[in-house]
C-alpha atoms as a PDB file:
ATOM      1  CA  MET A   1     -32.790   1.447   9.504  1.00  0.00           C
ATOM      2  CA  PRO A   2     -30.677   4.614  10.005  1.00  0.00           C
ATOM      3  CA  ASP A   3     -27.663   5.304   7.790  1.00  0.00           C
ATOM      4  CA  LEU A   4     -24.620   5.117  10.090  1.00  0.00           C
ATOM      5  CA  SER A   5     -21.970   5.639   7.408  1.00  0.00           C
ATOM      6  CA  ALA A   6     -21.242   9.181   8.634  1.00  0.00           C
ATOM      7  CA  ALA A   7     -20.578   7.825  12.135  1.00  0.00           C
ATOM      8  CA  ARG A   8     -17.878   5.429  10.948  1.00  0.00           C
ATOM      9  CA  SER A   9     -14.399   6.550  11.775  1.00  0.00           C
ATOM     10  CA  PRO A  10     -11.213   5.712   9.896  1.00  0.00           C
ATOM     11  CA  PRO A  11      -8.979   3.066  11.428  1.00  0.00           C
ATOM     12  CA  ARG A  12      -6.557   4.307  14.066  1.00  0.00           C
ATOM     13  CA  PHE A  13      -2.934   3.473  14.347  1.00  0.00           C
ATOM     14  CA  ASP A  14      -0.058   4.000  16.711  1.00  0.00           C
ATOM     15  CA  ALA A  15       2.205   6.503  14.952  1.00  0.00           C
ATOM     16  CA  GLY A  16       5.902   6.532  15.667  1.00  0.00           C
ATOM     17  CA  PRO A  17       9.097   8.176  14.454  1.00  0.00           C
ATOM     18  CA  THR A  18       9.521   5.712  11.582  1.00  0.00           C
ATOM     19  CA  LEU A  19       5.874   4.896  10.779  1.00  0.00           C
ATOM     20  CA  LYS A  20       3.549   7.492   9.317  1.00  0.00           C
ATOM     21  CA  PRO A  21       0.113   7.362   7.689  1.00  0.00           C
ATOM     22  CA  LEU A  22      -0.239   8.154   4.016  1.00  0.00           C
ATOM     23  CA  PRO A  23      -2.959  10.414   2.625  1.00  0.00           C
ATOM     24  CA  THR A  24      -6.242   8.828   1.656  1.00  0.00           C
ATOM     25  CA  ALA A  25      -5.938   7.373  -1.838  1.00  0.00           C
ATOM     26  CA  ALA A  26      -7.945   5.841  -4.652  1.00  0.00           C
ATOM     27  CA  ARG A  27      -7.096   2.154  -5.030  1.00  0.00           C
ATOM     28  CA  TYR A  28      -8.270  -0.312  -7.656  1.00  0.00           C
ATOM     29  CA  ILE A  29      -7.488  -3.981  -8.181  1.00  0.00           C
ATOM     30  CA  LEU A  30      -7.345  -4.702 -11.921  1.00  0.00           C
ATOM     31  CA  ARG A  31      -7.304  -8.184 -13.423  1.00  0.00           C
ATOM     32  CA  GLY A  32      -7.006  -9.113 -17.076  1.00  0.00           C
ATOM     33  CA  GLY A  33      -4.729 -10.136 -19.891  1.00  0.00           C
ATOM     34  CA  PRO A  34      -2.128  -8.229 -21.934  1.00  0.00           C
ATOM     35  CA  ALA A  35      -4.758  -6.180 -23.801  1.00  0.00           C
ATOM     36  CA  VAL A  36      -6.216  -5.066 -20.465  1.00  0.00           C
ATOM     37  CA  ARG A  37      -2.766  -4.113 -19.190  1.00  0.00           C
ATOM     38  CA  ALA A  38      -2.118  -1.997 -22.299  1.00  0.00           C
ATOM     39  CA  ALA A  39      -5.519  -0.297 -22.087  1.00  0.00           C
ATOM     40  CA  ALA A  40      -5.024   0.396 -18.379  1.00  0.00           C
ATOM     41  CA  GLU A  41      -1.679   2.078 -19.068  1.00  0.00           C
ATOM     42  CA  LYS A  42      -3.404   4.472 -21.444  1.00  0.00           C
ATOM     43  CA  ALA A  43      -6.245   5.145 -19.019  1.00  0.00           C
ATOM     44  CA  ALA A  44      -4.157   5.472 -15.851  1.00  0.00           C
ATOM     45  CA  GLY A  45      -1.349   7.538 -17.344  1.00  0.00           C
ATOM     46  CA  VAL A  46       1.231   5.301 -15.692  1.00  0.00           C
ATOM     47  CA  GLY A  47       3.030   2.183 -16.869  1.00  0.00           C
ATOM     48  CA  VAL A  48       1.397  -1.037 -15.712  1.00  0.00           C
ATOM     49  CA  PRO A  49       4.271  -3.444 -15.061  1.00  0.00           C
ATOM     50  CA  ALA A  50       4.581  -6.708 -16.955  1.00  0.00           C
ATOM     51  CA  GLU A  51       7.630  -7.659 -14.874  1.00  0.00           C
ATOM     52  CA  ALA A  52       6.872  -9.649 -11.731  1.00  0.00           C
ATOM     53  CA  CYS A  53       6.989  -7.886  -8.349  1.00  0.00           C
ATOM     54  CA  ARG A  54       7.638  -4.429  -9.760  1.00  0.00           C
ATOM     55  CA  ALA A  55       5.930  -1.083  -9.308  1.00  0.00           C
ATOM     56  CA  LEU A  56       5.890   1.818 -11.731  1.00  0.00           C
ATOM     57  CA  THR A  57       5.062   5.423 -10.886  1.00  0.00           C
ATOM     58  CA  ARG A  58       4.308   8.616 -12.734  1.00  0.00           C
ATOM     59  CA  ASP A  59       3.438  11.858 -11.044  1.00  0.00           C
ATOM     60  CA  GLU A  60       1.251  10.798  -8.101  1.00  0.00           C
ATOM     61  CA  ARG A  61      -0.025   7.562  -9.629  1.00  0.00           C
ATOM     62  CA  ALA A  62       1.360   4.051  -9.237  1.00  0.00           C
ATOM     63  CA  ALA A  63       0.737   0.560 -10.599  1.00  0.00           C
ATOM     64  CA  LEU A  64       1.964  -2.463  -8.651  1.00  0.00           C
ATOM     65  CA  TRP A  65       2.276  -5.986 -10.078  1.00  0.00           C
ATOM     66  CA  LEU A  66       0.500  -8.436  -7.761  1.00  0.00           C
ATOM     67  CA  GLY A  67       0.236 -11.455 -10.061  1.00  0.00           C
ATOM     68  CA  PRO A  68       0.522 -12.490 -13.723  1.00  0.00           C
ATOM     69  CA  ASP A  69      -2.837 -10.840 -14.457  1.00  0.00           C
ATOM     70  CA  GLU A  70      -3.367  -8.631 -11.390  1.00  0.00           C
ATOM     71  CA  TRP A  71      -2.310  -5.084 -10.481  1.00  0.00           C
ATOM     72  CA  LEU A  72      -2.972  -2.558  -7.743  1.00  0.00           C
ATOM     73  CA  LEU A  73      -3.536   0.936  -9.135  1.00  0.00           C
ATOM     74  CA  ILE A  74      -3.081   3.859  -6.722  1.00  0.00           C
ATOM     75  CA  ALA A  75      -3.852   7.548  -7.248  1.00  0.00           C
ATOM     76  CA  PRO A  76      -4.645  10.549  -5.043  1.00  0.00           C
ATOM     77  CA  GLU A  77      -8.217  10.413  -3.741  1.00  0.00           C
ATOM     78  CA  THR A  78      -9.053  13.598  -5.644  1.00  0.00           C
ATOM     79  CA  GLN A  79      -8.360  11.717  -8.904  1.00  0.00           C
ATOM     80  CA  ALA A  80     -10.579   8.708  -8.080  1.00  0.00           C
ATOM     81  CA  ALA A  81     -13.555   9.653 -10.256  1.00  0.00           C
ATOM     82  CA  ALA A  82     -11.384  10.660 -13.230  1.00  0.00           C
ATOM     83  CA  LEU A  83      -9.327   7.471 -12.992  1.00  0.00           C
ATOM     84  CA  ALA A  84     -12.406   5.258 -12.683  1.00  0.00           C
ATOM     85  CA  GLY A  85     -14.011   6.991 -15.665  1.00  0.00           C
ATOM     86  CA  SER A  86     -10.992   6.653 -17.936  1.00  0.00           C
ATOM     87  CA  LEU A  87     -10.474   3.011 -16.906  1.00  0.00           C
ATOM     88  CA  THR A  88     -14.128   2.219 -17.620  1.00  0.00           C
ATOM     89  CA  THR A  89     -13.883   3.838 -21.039  1.00  0.00           C
ATOM     90  CA  GLU A  90     -10.593   2.215 -22.086  1.00  0.00           C
ATOM     91  CA  LEU A  91     -11.490  -1.236 -20.757  1.00  0.00           C
ATOM     92  CA  ALA A  92     -14.952  -1.353 -22.353  1.00  0.00           C
ATOM     93  CA  GLY A  93     -15.328  -4.532 -24.370  1.00  0.00           C
ATOM     94  CA  LEU A  94     -12.293  -6.227 -22.827  1.00  0.00           C
ATOM     95  CA  PRO A  95     -12.751  -9.138 -20.401  1.00  0.00           C
ATOM     96  CA  HIS A  96     -11.478  -7.786 -17.090  1.00  0.00           C
ATOM     97  CA  SER A  97     -12.232  -7.181 -13.432  1.00  0.00           C
ATOM     98  CA  LEU A  98     -11.874  -3.737 -11.860  1.00  0.00           C
ATOM     99  CA  VAL A  99     -12.651  -3.444  -8.152  1.00  0.00           C
ATOM    100  CA  ASP A 100     -12.514  -0.268  -6.072  1.00  0.00           C
ATOM    101  CA  VAL A 101     -10.640  -1.175  -2.863  1.00  0.00           C
ATOM    102  CA  GLY A 102     -10.098   2.391  -1.685  1.00  0.00           C
ATOM    103  CA  HIS A 103     -12.265   1.901   1.413  1.00  0.00           C
ATOM    104  CA  ARG A 104     -10.937  -1.591   2.118  1.00  0.00           C
ATOM    105  CA  GLN A 105      -7.239  -0.730   2.319  1.00  0.00           C
ATOM    106  CA  SER A 106      -5.055   1.786   4.076  1.00  0.00           C
ATOM    107  CA  GLY A 107      -1.467   2.785   3.531  1.00  0.00           C
ATOM    108  CA  CYS A 108       1.461   3.820   5.664  1.00  0.00           C
ATOM    109  CA  GLU A 109       5.153   4.397   5.212  1.00  0.00           C
ATOM    110  CA  MET A 110       8.003   2.932   7.228  1.00  0.00           C
ATOM    111  CA  ARG A 111      11.142   4.992   6.802  1.00  0.00           C
ATOM    112  CA  GLY A 112      14.640   5.325   8.140  1.00  0.00           C
ATOM    113  CA  PRO A 113      17.848   3.311   8.312  1.00  0.00           C
ATOM    114  CA  GLN A 114      16.166   0.678  10.515  1.00  0.00           C
ATOM    115  CA  ALA A 115      13.042   0.271   8.331  1.00  0.00           C
ATOM    116  CA  ALA A 116      14.080  -3.063   6.776  1.00  0.00           C
ATOM    117  CA  THR A 117      15.190  -4.418  10.150  1.00  0.00           C
ATOM    118  CA  LEU A 118      11.925  -3.453  11.849  1.00  0.00           C
ATOM    119  CA  LEU A 119       9.850  -4.987   9.050  1.00  0.00           C
ATOM    120  CA  ALA A 120      11.979  -8.141   9.230  1.00  0.00           C
ATOM    121  CA  ALA A 121      10.696  -8.664  12.774  1.00  0.00           C
ATOM    122  CA  GLY A 122       7.482  -9.965  11.203  1.00  0.00           C
ATOM    123  CA  CYS A 123       8.155 -10.398   7.485  1.00  0.00           C
ATOM    124  CA  PRO A 124       9.680 -13.628   6.113  1.00  0.00           C
ATOM    125  CA  LEU A 125      11.252 -11.941   3.070  1.00  0.00           C
ATOM    126  CA  ASP A 126      14.898 -10.979   2.680  1.00  0.00           C
ATOM    127  CA  LEU A 127      14.548  -7.173   2.727  1.00  0.00           C
ATOM    128  CA  ASP A 128      18.208  -6.427   2.020  1.00  0.00           C
ATOM    129  CA  ALA A 129      18.461  -3.972  -0.883  1.00  0.00           C
ATOM    130  CA  SER A 130      20.241  -6.600  -2.983  1.00  0.00           C
ATOM    131  CA  ALA A 131      17.268  -8.980  -2.678  1.00  0.00           C
ATOM    132  CA  PHE A 132      14.433  -6.432  -2.400  1.00  0.00           C
ATOM    133  CA  PRO A 133      15.550  -3.359  -4.390  1.00  0.00           C
ATOM    134  CA  VAL A 134      13.842  -0.010  -4.823  1.00  0.00           C
ATOM    135  CA  GLY A 135      10.769  -0.478  -7.011  1.00  0.00           C
ATOM    136  CA  MET A 136      10.094  -4.037  -5.876  1.00  0.00           C
ATOM    137  CA  CYS A 137       6.676  -4.905  -4.447  1.00  0.00           C
ATOM    138  CA  THR A 138       4.904  -8.068  -3.387  1.00  0.00           C
ATOM    139  CA  ARG A 139       2.161  -9.526  -1.289  1.00  0.00           C
ATOM    140  CA  THR A 140       3.563 -10.963   1.897  1.00  0.00           C
ATOM    141  CA  MET A 141       2.818 -11.508   5.558  1.00  0.00           C
ATOM    142  CA  LEU A 142       3.701  -9.046   8.290  1.00  0.00           C
ATOM    143  CA  ALA A 143       3.277 -11.011  11.500  1.00  0.00           C
ATOM    144  CA  LYS A 144      -0.250 -12.404  10.960  1.00  0.00           C
ATOM    145  CA  ALA A 145      -1.504  -9.782   8.492  1.00  0.00           C
ATOM    146  CA  GLU A 146      -1.389 -10.000   4.710  1.00  0.00           C
ATOM    147  CA  VAL A 147       0.111  -6.815   3.284  1.00  0.00           C
ATOM    148  CA  VAL A 148       1.436  -5.435   0.034  1.00  0.00           C
ATOM    149  CA  LEU A 149       4.996  -4.293   0.675  1.00  0.00           C
ATOM    150  CA  TRP A 150       6.674  -1.858  -1.732  1.00  0.00           C
ATOM    151  CA  ARG A 151      10.172  -0.414  -1.397  1.00  0.00           C
ATOM    152  CA  THR A 152       9.801   3.145  -2.714  1.00  0.00           C
ATOM    153  CA  ALA A 153      13.301   4.369  -1.765  1.00  0.00           C
ATOM    154  CA  ALA A 154      16.454   2.953  -0.193  1.00  0.00           C
ATOM    155  CA  GLU A 155      15.152   3.464   3.350  1.00  0.00           C
ATOM    156  CA  VAL A 156      11.414   3.751   2.683  1.00  0.00           C
ATOM    157  CA  PHE A 157       8.747   1.035   2.443  1.00  0.00           C
ATOM    158  CA  ARG A 158       5.072   1.542   1.664  1.00  0.00           C
ATOM    159  CA  ILE A 159       2.720  -0.885   3.383  1.00  0.00           C
ATOM    160  CA  GLU A 160      -0.792  -1.459   2.033  1.00  0.00           C
ATOM    161  CA  VAL A 161      -3.002  -3.324   4.504  1.00  0.00           C
ATOM    162  CA  ALA A 162      -6.678  -4.118   5.024  1.00  0.00           C
ATOM    163  CA  ARG A 163      -8.301  -1.526   7.277  1.00  0.00           C
ATOM    164  CA  SER A 164      -9.275  -4.201   9.779  1.00  0.00           C
ATOM    165  CA  PHE A 165      -5.564  -4.933  10.329  1.00  0.00           C
ATOM    166  CA  VAL A 166      -4.353  -1.317  10.633  1.00  0.00           C
ATOM    167  CA  ALA A 167      -4.207  -1.294  14.436  1.00  0.00           C
ATOM    168  CA  TYR A 168      -2.584  -4.736  14.559  1.00  0.00           C
ATOM    169  CA  VAL A 169       0.124  -3.870  12.005  1.00  0.00           C
ATOM    170  CA  SER A 170       0.896  -0.486  13.511  1.00  0.00           C
ATOM    171  CA  GLU A 171       1.081  -1.864  17.059  1.00  0.00           C
ATOM    172  CA  PHE A 172       3.282  -4.735  15.893  1.00  0.00           C
ATOM    173  CA  LEU A 173       5.692  -2.307  14.191  1.00  0.00           C
ATOM    174  CA  ALA A 174       5.628   0.065  17.162  1.00  0.00           C
ATOM    175  CA  GLU A 175       6.551  -2.832  19.453  1.00  0.00           C
ATOM    176  CA  ALA A 176       9.335  -3.910  17.084  1.00  0.00           C
ATOM    177  CA  GLU A 177      10.642  -0.348  17.180  1.00  0.00           C
ATOM    178  CA  ARG A 178      10.416  -0.077  20.954  1.00  0.00           C
ATOM    179  CA  THR A 179      12.243  -3.359  21.522  1.00  0.00           C
ATOM    180  CA  SER A 180      14.949  -2.671  18.946  1.00  0.00           C
ATOM    181  CA  THR A 181      15.728   0.851  20.174  1.00  0.00           C
ATOM    182  CA  PRO A 182      15.310   0.717  23.972  1.00  0.00           C
ATOM    183  CA  ASP A 183      17.783   3.512  24.729  1.00  0.00           C
ATOM    184  CA  GLU A 184      16.516   6.152  22.320  1.00  0.00           C
ATOM    185  CA  GLY A 185      13.718   7.385  24.561  1.00  0.00           C
ATOM    186  CA  LEU A 186      10.903   7.066  22.036  1.00  0.00           C
ATOM    187  CA  GLY A 187       8.440   7.926  24.773  1.00  0.00           C
ATOM    188  CA  SER A 188       4.700   7.372  24.908  1.00  0.00           C
ATOM    189  CA  ARG A 189       2.673   6.414  21.856  1.00  0.00           C
ATOM    190  CA  SER A 190      -0.583   7.842  23.185  1.00  0.00           C
ATOM    191  CA  GLN A 191      -0.980  10.149  20.187  1.00  0.00           C
ATOM    192  CA  LEU A 192      -3.147   8.220  17.750  1.00  0.00           C
ATOM    193  CA  GLU A 193      -3.497   9.321  14.147  1.00  0.00           C
ATOM    194  CA  THR A 194      -5.446   8.001  11.213  1.00  0.00           C
ATOM    195  CA  PHE A 195      -4.168   5.756   8.469  1.00  0.00           C
ATOM    196  CA  SER A 196      -5.143   6.663   4.925  1.00  0.00           C
END
């Protein structure tokens, strides 16, 4: 059977003024207890949050709390091999699970003064800064897609989503933007770009 991996294309999404793709990244789901969290901090070079629904960053790396014993680790794609190697070394002998989800997920950024309002069109969370401050992250639903939502700045949200839902999420957000700003002349969305 021929190898068709080279023929696969990245997911496509409908880019808009407030939604942009993020660069391809290394992503790992880590599960384990407190000893695993401490070892992962040493290996990843970034704090791994113990506080619920919080993300920590250092340089270009991030660790997001997804559950009492689960984190999403993100780094630039160029650092994937180094990060995997140091995690493997530091976690050796500790009961844990480390899964590479870099090809399963994609990321985009929703930014601007209307970002929270546009996300609220399909997200059940209170996204006001008082309830969902900078640095907060969580798994949630965006319309019918499960996403990881992370507020990285006052008017910026990072969305991590399964690649199979990239088109759905981007089209949903584009429609929310079109219907909430009908007089701003956003024009055609025929220019498709790739999600990370």
